[in-house]
Amino acid sequence: ASGKTNLLKAFKFLKDFWFKKQSNAYDGTNVKPFKL
């Protein structure tokens, strides 16, 4: 729970985001901000 996996998730997020075609503008971006 120190956040090492979150570093790799940042790369994964970018990979997914770059080429994901959205069907409508209301589905959001799927980004996960700091929530605490």
PDB file of all heavy atoms in Angstrom:
ATOM      1  N   ALA A   1       0.807  -1.223   0.000  1.00  0.00           N
ATOM      2  CA  ALA A   1       0.000   0.000   0.000  1.00  0.00           C
ATOM      3  C   ALA A   1       0.837   1.269   0.000  1.00  0.00           C
ATOM      4  O   ALA A   1       0.325   2.352   0.293  1.00  0.00           O
ATOM      5  CB  ALA A   1      -0.983   0.018   1.182  1.00  0.00           C
ATOM      6  N   SER A   2       2.118   1.165  -0.363  1.00  0.00           N
ATOM      7  CA  SER A   2       2.964   2.357  -0.405  1.00  0.00           C
ATOM      8  C   SER A   2       2.780   3.149  -1.698  1.00  0.00           C
ATOM      9  O   SER A   2       3.152   4.315  -1.763  1.00  0.00           O
ATOM     10  CB  SER A   2       4.439   1.981  -0.234  1.00  0.00           C
ATOM     11  OG  SER A   2       4.889   1.206  -1.331  1.00  0.00           O
ATOM     12  N   GLY A   3       2.252   2.488  -2.758  1.00  0.00           N
ATOM     13  CA  GLY A   3       1.990   3.198  -4.004  1.00  0.00           C
ATOM     14  C   GLY A   3       2.834   2.778  -5.193  1.00  0.00           C
ATOM     15  O   GLY A   3       2.735   3.381  -6.263  1.00  0.00           O
ATOM     16  N   LYS A   4       3.652   1.726  -5.028  1.00  0.00           N
ATOM     17  CA  LYS A   4       4.509   1.316  -6.148  1.00  0.00           C
ATOM     18  C   LYS A   4       3.687   0.844  -7.348  1.00  0.00           C
ATOM     19  O   LYS A   4       4.046   1.126  -8.500  1.00  0.00           O
ATOM     20  CB  LYS A   4       5.509   0.244  -5.713  1.00  0.00           C
ATOM     21  CG  LYS A   4       4.931  -1.057  -5.216  1.00  0.00           C
ATOM     22  CD  LYS A   4       6.031  -1.984  -4.756  1.00  0.00           C
ATOM     23  CE  LYS A   4       5.447  -3.312  -4.271  1.00  0.00           C
ATOM     24  NZ  LYS A   4       4.586  -3.118  -3.065  1.00  0.00           N
ATOM     25  N   THR A   5       2.590   0.131  -7.086  1.00  0.00           N
ATOM     26  CA  THR A   5       1.728  -0.311  -8.182  1.00  0.00           C
ATOM     27  C   THR A   5       1.084   0.878  -8.894  1.00  0.00           C
ATOM     28  O   THR A   5       0.849   0.844 -10.104  1.00  0.00           O
ATOM     29  CB  THR A   5       0.643  -1.269  -7.658  1.00  0.00           C
ATOM     30  OG1 THR A   5       1.263  -2.481  -7.211  1.00  0.00           O
ATOM     31  CG2 THR A   5      -0.359  -1.623  -8.750  1.00  0.00           C
ATOM     32  N   ASN A   6       0.824   1.950  -8.142  1.00  0.00           N
ATOM     33  CA  ASN A   6       0.189   3.130  -8.731  1.00  0.00           C
ATOM     34  C   ASN A   6       1.071   3.798  -9.779  1.00  0.00           C
ATOM     35  O   ASN A   6       0.570   4.446 -10.701  1.00  0.00           O
ATOM     36  CB  ASN A   6      -0.200   4.126  -7.643  1.00  0.00           C
ATOM     37  CG  ASN A   6      -1.295   3.594  -6.743  1.00  0.00           C
ATOM     38  OD1 ASN A   6      -2.032   2.681  -7.119  1.00  0.00           O
ATOM     39  ND2 ASN A   6      -1.415   4.153  -5.541  1.00  0.00           N
ATOM     40  N   LEU A   7       2.386   3.662  -9.637  1.00  0.00           N
ATOM     41  CA  LEU A   7       3.282   4.186 -10.670  1.00  0.00           C
ATOM     42  C   LEU A   7       3.044   3.448 -11.984  1.00  0.00           C
ATOM     43  O   LEU A   7       2.933   4.060 -13.050  1.00  0.00           O
ATOM     44  CB  LEU A   7       4.736   4.041 -10.239  1.00  0.00           C
ATOM     45  CG  LEU A   7       5.786   4.415 -11.303  1.00  0.00           C
ATOM     46  CD1 LEU A   7       5.668   5.879 -11.679  1.00  0.00           C
ATOM     47  CD2 LEU A   7       7.191   4.087 -10.815  1.00  0.00           C
ATOM     48  N   LEU A   8       2.943   2.145 -11.925  1.00  0.00           N
ATOM     49  CA  LEU A   8       2.686   1.363 -13.132  1.00  0.00           C
ATOM     50  C   LEU A   8       1.277   1.616 -13.659  1.00  0.00           C
ATOM     51  O   LEU A   8       1.040   1.575 -14.869  1.00  0.00           O
ATOM     52  CB  LEU A   8       2.894  -0.130 -12.860  1.00  0.00           C
ATOM     53  CG  LEU A   8       4.356  -0.604 -12.931  1.00  0.00           C
ATOM     54  CD1 LEU A   8       5.185  -0.069 -11.767  1.00  0.00           C
ATOM     55  CD2 LEU A   8       4.440  -2.126 -12.961  1.00  0.00           C
ATOM     56  N   LYS A   9       0.333   1.894 -12.740  1.00  0.00           N
ATOM     57  CA  LYS A   9      -1.033   2.216 -13.171  1.00  0.00           C
ATOM     58  C   LYS A   9      -1.080   3.518 -13.958  1.00  0.00           C
ATOM     59  O   LYS A   9      -1.953   3.710 -14.814  1.00  0.00           O
ATOM     60  CB  LYS A   9      -1.960   2.290 -11.960  1.00  0.00           C
ATOM     61  CG  LYS A   9      -2.360   0.935 -11.397  1.00  0.00           C
ATOM     62  CD  LYS A   9      -3.345   1.085 -10.245  1.00  0.00           C
ATOM     63  CE  LYS A   9      -3.791  -0.277  -9.728  1.00  0.00           C
ATOM     64  NZ  LYS A   9      -4.758  -0.161  -8.601  1.00  0.00           N
ATOM     65  N   ALA A  10      -0.166   4.434 -13.673  1.00  0.00           N
ATOM     66  CA  ALA A  10      -0.106   5.691 -14.425  1.00  0.00           C
ATOM     67  C   ALA A  10       0.231   5.415 -15.892  1.00  0.00           C
ATOM     68  O   ALA A  10      -0.372   5.988 -16.809  1.00  0.00           O
ATOM     69  CB  ALA A  10       0.922   6.632 -13.802  1.00  0.00           C
ATOM     70  N   PHE A  11       1.210   4.529 -16.119  1.00  0.00           N
ATOM     71  CA  PHE A  11       1.550   4.145 -17.488  1.00  0.00           C
ATOM     72  C   PHE A  11       0.386   3.407 -18.148  1.00  0.00           C
ATOM     73  O   PHE A  11       0.087   3.630 -19.324  1.00  0.00           O
ATOM     74  CB  PHE A  11       2.802   3.270 -17.504  1.00  0.00           C
ATOM     75  CG  PHE A  11       4.080   4.018 -17.249  1.00  0.00           C
ATOM     76  CD1 PHE A  11       4.650   4.027 -15.990  1.00  0.00           C
ATOM     77  CD2 PHE A  11       4.705   4.713 -18.271  1.00  0.00           C
ATOM     78  CE1 PHE A  11       5.831   4.726 -15.756  1.00  0.00           C
ATOM     79  CE2 PHE A  11       5.890   5.412 -18.037  1.00  0.00           C
ATOM     80  CZ  PHE A  11       6.448   5.412 -16.782  1.00  0.00           C
ATOM     81  N   LYS A  12      -0.271   2.541 -17.391  1.00  0.00           N
ATOM     82  CA  LYS A  12      -1.410   1.799 -17.929  1.00  0.00           C
ATOM     83  C   LYS A  12      -2.560   2.738 -18.280  1.00  0.00           C
ATOM     84  O   LYS A  12      -3.207   2.577 -19.322  1.00  0.00           O
ATOM     85  CB  LYS A  12      -1.883   0.744 -16.932  1.00  0.00           C
ATOM     86  CG  LYS A  12      -3.129  -0.019 -17.397  1.00  0.00           C
ATOM     87  CD  LYS A  12      -3.493  -1.154 -16.482  1.00  0.00           C
ATOM     88  CE  LYS A  12      -4.844  -1.751 -16.849  1.00  0.00           C
ATOM     89  NZ  LYS A  12      -4.928  -2.142 -18.279  1.00  0.00           N
ATOM     90  N   PHE A  13      -2.811   3.714 -17.411  1.00  0.00           N
ATOM     91  CA  PHE A  13      -3.877   4.667 -17.693  1.00  0.00           C
ATOM     92  C   PHE A  13      -3.632   5.380 -19.021  1.00  0.00           C
ATOM     93  O   PHE A  13      -4.545   5.515 -19.851  1.00  0.00           O
ATOM     94  CB  PHE A  13      -4.012   5.698 -16.573  1.00  0.00           C
ATOM     95  CG  PHE A  13      -4.929   6.844 -16.948  1.00  0.00           C
ATOM     96  CD1 PHE A  13      -6.302   6.685 -16.911  1.00  0.00           C
ATOM     97  CD2 PHE A  13      -4.406   8.053 -17.385  1.00  0.00           C
ATOM     98  CE1 PHE A  13      -7.143   7.722 -17.298  1.00  0.00           C
ATOM     99  CE2 PHE A  13      -5.247   9.093 -17.773  1.00  0.00           C
ATOM    100  CZ  PHE A  13      -6.614   8.928 -17.727  1.00  0.00           C
ATOM    101  N   LEU A  14      -2.405   5.863 -19.224  1.00  0.00           N
ATOM    102  CA  LEU A  14      -2.088   6.561 -20.461  1.00  0.00           C
ATOM    103  C   LEU A  14      -2.287   5.651 -21.669  1.00  0.00           C
ATOM    104  O   LEU A  14      -2.873   6.063 -22.673  1.00  0.00           O
ATOM    105  CB  LEU A  14      -0.653   7.080 -20.420  1.00  0.00           C
ATOM    106  CG  LEU A  14      -0.391   8.262 -19.485  1.00  0.00           C
ATOM    107  CD1 LEU A  14       1.099   8.568 -19.418  1.00  0.00           C
ATOM    108  CD2 LEU A  14      -1.171   9.507 -19.925  1.00  0.00           C
ATOM    109  N   LYS A  15      -1.803   4.425 -21.601  1.00  0.00           N
ATOM    110  CA  LYS A  15      -1.953   3.469 -22.701  1.00  0.00           C
ATOM    111  C   LYS A  15      -3.424   3.267 -23.044  1.00  0.00           C
ATOM    112  O   LYS A  15      -3.811   3.275 -24.218  1.00  0.00           O
ATOM    113  CB  LYS A  15      -1.295   2.140 -22.327  1.00  0.00           C
ATOM    114  CG  LYS A  15      -1.510   1.002 -23.334  1.00  0.00           C
ATOM    115  CD  LYS A  15      -0.768   1.240 -24.626  1.00  0.00           C
ATOM    116  CE  LYS A  15      -0.914   0.042 -25.547  1.00  0.00           C
ATOM    117  NZ  LYS A  15      -0.238   0.241 -26.859  1.00  0.00           N
ATOM    118  N   ASP A  16      -4.252   3.068 -22.024  1.00  0.00           N
ATOM    119  CA  ASP A  16      -5.683   2.850 -22.238  1.00  0.00           C
ATOM    120  C   ASP A  16      -6.361   4.112 -22.778  1.00  0.00           C
ATOM    121  O   ASP A  16      -7.210   4.047 -23.669  1.00  0.00           O
ATOM    122  CB  ASP A  16      -6.357   2.413 -20.938  1.00  0.00           C
ATOM    123  CG  ASP A  16      -5.889   1.045 -20.467  1.00  0.00           C
ATOM    124  OD1 ASP A  16      -5.332   0.283 -21.282  1.00  0.00           O
ATOM    125  OD2 ASP A  16      -6.074   0.738 -19.269  1.00  0.00           O
ATOM    126  N   PHE A  17      -5.990   5.251 -22.230  1.00  0.00           N
ATOM    127  CA  PHE A  17      -6.636   6.506 -22.591  1.00  0.00           C
ATOM    128  C   PHE A  17      -6.344   6.924 -24.026  1.00  0.00           C
ATOM    129  O   PHE A  17      -7.238   7.416 -24.729  1.00  0.00           O
ATOM    130  CB  PHE A  17      -6.202   7.616 -21.626  1.00  0.00           C
ATOM    131  CG  PHE A  17      -6.713   8.980 -21.976  1.00  0.00           C
ATOM    132  CD1 PHE A  17      -8.035   9.317 -21.758  1.00  0.00           C
ATOM    133  CD2 PHE A  17      -5.880   9.935 -22.539  1.00  0.00           C
ATOM    134  CE1 PHE A  17      -8.525  10.573 -22.098  1.00  0.00           C
ATOM    135  CE2 PHE A  17      -6.346  11.196 -22.873  1.00  0.00           C
ATOM    136  CZ  PHE A  17      -7.670  11.512 -22.659  1.00  0.00           C
ATOM    137  N   TRP A  18      -5.118   6.733 -24.474  1.00  0.00           N
ATOM    138  CA  TRP A  18      -4.726   7.224 -25.787  1.00  0.00           C
ATOM    139  C   TRP A  18      -5.601   6.704 -26.914  1.00  0.00           C
ATOM    140  O   TRP A  18      -5.902   7.424 -27.852  1.00  0.00           O
ATOM    141  CB  TRP A  18      -3.261   6.855 -26.064  1.00  0.00           C
ATOM    142  CG  TRP A  18      -2.278   7.734 -25.365  1.00  0.00           C
ATOM    143  CD1 TRP A  18      -2.408   9.067 -25.109  1.00  0.00           C
ATOM    144  CD2 TRP A  18      -1.002   7.344 -24.839  1.00  0.00           C
ATOM    145  NE1 TRP A  18      -1.293   9.532 -24.455  1.00  0.00           N
ATOM    146  CE2 TRP A  18      -0.410   8.500 -24.276  1.00  0.00           C
ATOM    147  CE3 TRP A  18      -0.301   6.148 -24.798  1.00  0.00           C
ATOM    148  CZ2 TRP A  18       0.835   8.471 -23.675  1.00  0.00           C
ATOM    149  CZ3 TRP A  18       0.943   6.123 -24.193  1.00  0.00           C
ATOM    150  CH2 TRP A  18       1.503   7.281 -23.633  1.00  0.00           C
ATOM    151  N   PHE A  19      -6.020   5.455 -26.847  1.00  0.00           N
ATOM    152  CA  PHE A  19      -6.703   4.861 -27.986  1.00  0.00           C
ATOM    153  C   PHE A  19      -8.101   4.333 -27.676  1.00  0.00           C
ATOM    154  O   PHE A  19      -8.658   3.573 -28.458  1.00  0.00           O
ATOM    155  CB  PHE A  19      -5.838   3.756 -28.585  1.00  0.00           C
ATOM    156  CG  PHE A  19      -4.529   4.266 -29.115  1.00  0.00           C
ATOM    157  CD1 PHE A  19      -3.345   4.054 -28.423  1.00  0.00           C
ATOM    158  CD2 PHE A  19      -4.478   4.997 -30.290  1.00  0.00           C
ATOM    159  CE1 PHE A  19      -2.143   4.557 -28.897  1.00  0.00           C
ATOM    160  CE2 PHE A  19      -3.278   5.494 -30.779  1.00  0.00           C
ATOM    161  CZ  PHE A  19      -2.114   5.273 -30.084  1.00  0.00           C
ATOM    162  N   LYS A  20      -8.670   4.768 -26.557  1.00  0.00           N
ATOM    163  CA  LYS A  20     -10.032   4.365 -26.236  1.00  0.00           C
ATOM    164  C   LYS A  20     -11.024   5.320 -26.894  1.00  0.00           C
ATOM    165  O   LYS A  20     -11.089   6.500 -26.564  1.00  0.00           O
ATOM    166  CB  LYS A  20     -10.260   4.337 -24.731  1.00  0.00           C
ATOM    167  CG  LYS A  20     -11.671   3.848 -24.371  1.00  0.00           C
ATOM    168  CD  LYS A  20     -11.882   3.764 -22.874  1.00  0.00           C
ATOM    169  CE  LYS A  20     -13.284   3.246 -22.571  1.00  0.00           C
ATOM    170  NZ  LYS A  20     -13.545   3.115 -21.168  1.00  0.00           N
ATOM    171  N   LYS A  21     -11.802   4.788 -27.817  1.00  0.00           N
ATOM    172  CA  LYS A  21     -12.830   5.579 -28.477  1.00  0.00           C
ATOM    173  C   LYS A  21     -14.075   5.621 -27.596  1.00  0.00           C
ATOM    174  O   LYS A  21     -14.637   4.584 -27.250  1.00  0.00           O
ATOM    175  CB  LYS A  21     -13.168   4.975 -29.842  1.00  0.00           C
ATOM    176  CG  LYS A  21     -14.238   5.746 -30.600  1.00  0.00           C
ATOM    177  CD  LYS A  21     -14.622   5.035 -31.883  1.00  0.00           C
ATOM    178  CE  LYS A  21     -15.789   5.747 -32.550  1.00  0.00           C
ATOM    179  NZ  LYS A  21     -16.239   5.034 -33.773  1.00  0.00           N
ATOM    180  N   GLN A  22     -14.488   6.804 -27.214  1.00  0.00           N
ATOM    181  CA  GLN A  22     -15.678   6.973 -26.394  1.00  0.00           C
ATOM    182  C   GLN A  22     -16.919   7.041 -27.269  1.00  0.00           C
ATOM    183  O   GLN A  22     -16.906   7.659 -28.344  1.00  0.00           O
ATOM    184  CB  GLN A  22     -15.570   8.240 -25.547  1.00  0.00           C
ATOM    185  CG  GLN A  22     -14.399   8.248 -24.562  1.00  0.00           C
ATOM    186  CD  GLN A  22     -14.649   7.385 -23.343  1.00  0.00           C
ATOM    187  OE1 GLN A  22     -15.622   6.611 -23.288  1.00  0.00           O
ATOM    188  NE2 GLN A  22     -13.805   7.500 -22.341  1.00  0.00           N
ATOM    189  N   SER A  23     -18.006   6.406 -26.811  1.00  0.00           N
ATOM    190  CA  SER A  23     -19.258   6.426 -27.579  1.00  0.00           C
ATOM    191  C   SER A  23     -20.063   7.689 -27.328  1.00  0.00           C
ATOM    192  O   SER A  23     -20.836   8.117 -28.184  1.00  0.00           O
ATOM    193  CB  SER A  23     -20.096   5.191 -27.242  1.00  0.00           C
ATOM    194  OG  SER A  23     -20.344   5.115 -25.846  1.00  0.00           O
ATOM    195  N   ASN A  24     -19.887   8.280 -26.150  1.00  0.00           N
ATOM    196  CA  ASN A  24     -20.549   9.543 -25.865  1.00  0.00           C
ATOM    197  C   ASN A  24     -19.701  10.363 -24.910  1.00  0.00           C
ATOM    198  O   ASN A  24     -18.763   9.840 -24.295  1.00  0.00           O
ATOM    199  CB  ASN A  24     -21.961   9.331 -25.304  1.00  0.00           C
ATOM    200  CG  ASN A  24     -21.954   8.627 -23.956  1.00  0.00           C
ATOM    201  OD1 ASN A  24     -21.597   9.228 -22.934  1.00  0.00           O
ATOM    202  ND2 ASN A  24     -22.333   7.346 -23.945  1.00  0.00           N
ATOM    203  N   ALA A  25     -20.050  11.618 -24.766  1.00  0.00           N
ATOM    204  CA  ALA A  25     -19.233  12.548 -23.983  1.00  0.00           C
ATOM    205  C   ALA A  25     -19.531  12.509 -22.493  1.00  0.00           C
ATOM    206  O   ALA A  25     -18.947  13.284 -21.726  1.00  0.00           O
ATOM    207  CB  ALA A  25     -19.428  13.967 -24.509  1.00  0.00           C
ATOM    208  N   TYR A  26     -20.415  11.601 -22.057  1.00  0.00           N
ATOM    209  CA  TYR A  26     -20.856  11.601 -20.668  1.00  0.00           C
ATOM    210  C   TYR A  26     -20.298  10.440 -19.853  1.00  0.00           C
ATOM    211  O   TYR A  26     -20.626  10.279 -18.689  1.00  0.00           O
ATOM    212  CB  TYR A  26     -22.386  11.572 -20.616  1.00  0.00           C
ATOM    213  CG  TYR A  26     -23.018  12.692 -21.413  1.00  0.00           C
ATOM    214  CD1 TYR A  26     -23.593  12.438 -22.662  1.00  0.00           C
ATOM    215  CD2 TYR A  26     -23.020  13.994 -20.931  1.00  0.00           C
ATOM    216  CE1 TYR A  26     -24.153  13.457 -23.403  1.00  0.00           C
ATOM    217  CE2 TYR A  26     -23.580  15.026 -21.668  1.00  0.00           C
ATOM    218  CZ  TYR A  26     -24.140  14.752 -22.905  1.00  0.00           C
ATOM    219  OH  TYR A  26     -24.686  15.783 -23.637  1.00  0.00           O
ATOM    220  N   ASP A  27     -19.428   9.646 -20.462  1.00  0.00           N
ATOM    221  CA  ASP A  27     -18.888   8.481 -19.763  1.00  0.00           C
ATOM    222  C   ASP A  27     -17.699   8.812 -18.865  1.00  0.00           C
ATOM    223  O   ASP A  27     -17.247   7.972 -18.100  1.00  0.00           O
ATOM    224  CB  ASP A  27     -18.460   7.412 -20.772  1.00  0.00           C
ATOM    225  CG  ASP A  27     -19.640   6.755 -21.448  1.00  0.00           C
ATOM    226  OD1 ASP A  27     -20.747   6.805 -20.885  1.00  0.00           O
ATOM    227  OD2 ASP A  27     -19.464   6.190 -22.545  1.00  0.00           O
ATOM    228  N   GLY A  28     -17.188  10.026 -18.958  1.00  0.00           N
ATOM    229  CA  GLY A  28     -16.045  10.412 -18.149  1.00  0.00           C
ATOM    230  C   GLY A  28     -14.723   9.963 -18.750  1.00  0.00           C
ATOM    231  O   GLY A  28     -14.679   9.292 -19.788  1.00  0.00           O
ATOM    232  N   THR A  29     -13.629  10.309 -18.091  1.00  0.00           N
ATOM    233  CA  THR A  29     -12.291  10.019 -18.604  1.00  0.00           C
ATOM    234  C   THR A  29     -11.642   8.806 -17.947  1.00  0.00           C
ATOM    235  O   THR A  29     -10.580   8.360 -18.389  1.00  0.00           O
ATOM    236  CB  THR A  29     -11.368  11.225 -18.378  1.00  0.00           C
ATOM    237  OG1 THR A  29     -11.249  11.471 -16.959  1.00  0.00           O
ATOM    238  CG2 THR A  29     -11.912  12.473 -19.066  1.00  0.00           C
ATOM    239  N   ASN A  30     -12.240   8.293 -16.873  1.00  0.00           N
ATOM    240  CA  ASN A  30     -11.721   7.143 -16.122  1.00  0.00           C
ATOM    241  C   ASN A  30     -10.461   7.465 -15.322  1.00  0.00           C
ATOM    242  O   ASN A  30      -9.836   6.549 -14.772  1.00  0.00           O
ATOM    243  CB  ASN A  30     -11.451   5.950 -17.048  1.00  0.00           C
ATOM    244  CG  ASN A  30     -12.714   5.397 -17.668  1.00  0.00           C
ATOM    245  OD1 ASN A  30     -13.746   5.275 -17.017  1.00  0.00           O
ATOM    246  ND2 ASN A  30     -12.649   5.084 -18.965  1.00  0.00           N
ATOM    247  N   VAL A  31     -10.075   8.724 -15.233  1.00  0.00           N
ATOM    248  CA  VAL A  31      -8.930   9.074 -14.407  1.00  0.00           C
ATOM    249  C   VAL A  31      -9.334   9.010 -12.936  1.00  0.00           C
ATOM    250  O   VAL A  31     -10.487   9.252 -12.580  1.00  0.00           O
ATOM    251  CB  VAL A  31      -8.387  10.480 -14.765  1.00  0.00           C
ATOM    252  CG1 VAL A  31      -9.281  11.585 -14.204  1.00  0.00           C
ATOM    253  CG2 VAL A  31      -6.971  10.652 -14.253  1.00  0.00           C
ATOM    254  N   LYS A  32      -8.374   8.652 -12.071  1.00  0.00           N
ATOM    255  CA  LYS A  32      -8.635   8.527 -10.646  1.00  0.00           C
ATOM    256  C   LYS A  32      -7.751   9.491  -9.868  1.00  0.00           C
ATOM    257  O   LYS A  32      -6.569   9.218  -9.650  1.00  0.00           O
ATOM    258  CB  LYS A  32      -8.390   7.089 -10.190  1.00  0.00           C
ATOM    259  CG  LYS A  32      -9.339   6.077 -10.824  1.00  0.00           C
ATOM    260  CD  LYS A  32      -9.057   4.666 -10.328  1.00  0.00           C
ATOM    261  CE  LYS A  32     -10.020   3.663 -10.950  1.00  0.00           C
ATOM    262  NZ  LYS A  32      -9.742   2.276 -10.493  1.00  0.00           N
ATOM    263  N   PRO A  33      -8.308  10.602  -9.421  1.00  0.00           N
ATOM    264  CA  PRO A  33      -7.508  11.570  -8.658  1.00  0.00           C
ATOM    265  C   PRO A  33      -7.277  11.097  -7.220  1.00  0.00           C
ATOM    266  O   PRO A  33      -7.880  10.112  -6.779  1.00  0.00           O
ATOM    267  CB  PRO A  33      -8.377  12.835  -8.679  1.00  0.00           C
ATOM    268  CG  PRO A  33      -9.780  12.293  -8.765  1.00  0.00           C
ATOM    269  CD  PRO A  33      -9.695  11.064  -9.618  1.00  0.00           C
ATOM    270  N   PHE A  34      -6.409  11.797  -6.517  1.00  0.00           N
ATOM    271  CA  PHE A  34      -6.185  11.546  -5.098  1.00  0.00           C
ATOM    272  C   PHE A  34      -7.472  11.870  -4.336  1.00  0.00           C
ATOM    273  O   PHE A  34      -7.994  12.978  -4.429  1.00  0.00           O
ATOM    274  CB  PHE A  34      -5.032  12.412  -4.598  1.00  0.00           C
ATOM    275  CG  PHE A  34      -4.679  12.195  -3.151  1.00  0.00           C
ATOM    276  CD1 PHE A  34      -3.921  11.096  -2.767  1.00  0.00           C
ATOM    277  CD2 PHE A  34      -5.094  13.089  -2.180  1.00  0.00           C
ATOM    278  CE1 PHE A  34      -3.582  10.901  -1.433  1.00  0.00           C
ATOM    279  CE2 PHE A  34      -4.765  12.900  -0.844  1.00  0.00           C
ATOM    280  CZ  PHE A  34      -4.004  11.796  -0.478  1.00  0.00           C
ATOM    281  N   LYS A  35      -7.995  10.907  -3.578  1.00  0.00           N
ATOM    282  CA  LYS A  35      -9.311  11.060  -2.969  1.00  0.00           C
ATOM    283  C   LYS A  35      -9.292  11.251  -1.463  1.00  0.00           C
ATOM    284  O   LYS A  35     -10.352  11.355  -0.837  1.00  0.00           O
ATOM    285  CB  LYS A  35     -10.192   9.868  -3.333  1.00  0.00           C
ATOM    286  CG  LYS A  35     -10.544   9.799  -4.820  1.00  0.00           C
ATOM    287  CD  LYS A  35     -11.558   8.729  -5.120  1.00  0.00           C
ATOM    288  CE  LYS A  35     -11.967   8.773  -6.589  1.00  0.00           C
ATOM    289  NZ  LYS A  35     -13.003   7.758  -6.916  1.00  0.00           N
ATOM    290  N   LEU A  36      -8.106  11.307  -0.868  1.00  0.00           N
ATOM    291  CA  LEU A  36      -8.038  11.491   0.578  1.00  0.00           C
ATOM    292  C   LEU A  36      -7.888  12.961   0.940  1.00  0.00           C
ATOM    293  O   LEU A  36      -7.312  13.318   1.967  1.00  0.00           O
ATOM    294  CB  LEU A  36      -6.870  10.671   1.148  1.00  0.00           C
ATOM    295  CG  LEU A  36      -6.932   9.166   0.867  1.00  0.00           C
ATOM    296  CD1 LEU A  36      -5.748   8.454   1.490  1.00  0.00           C
ATOM    297  CD2 LEU A  36      -8.245   8.571   1.376  1.00  0.00           C
TER     298      LEU A  36
END
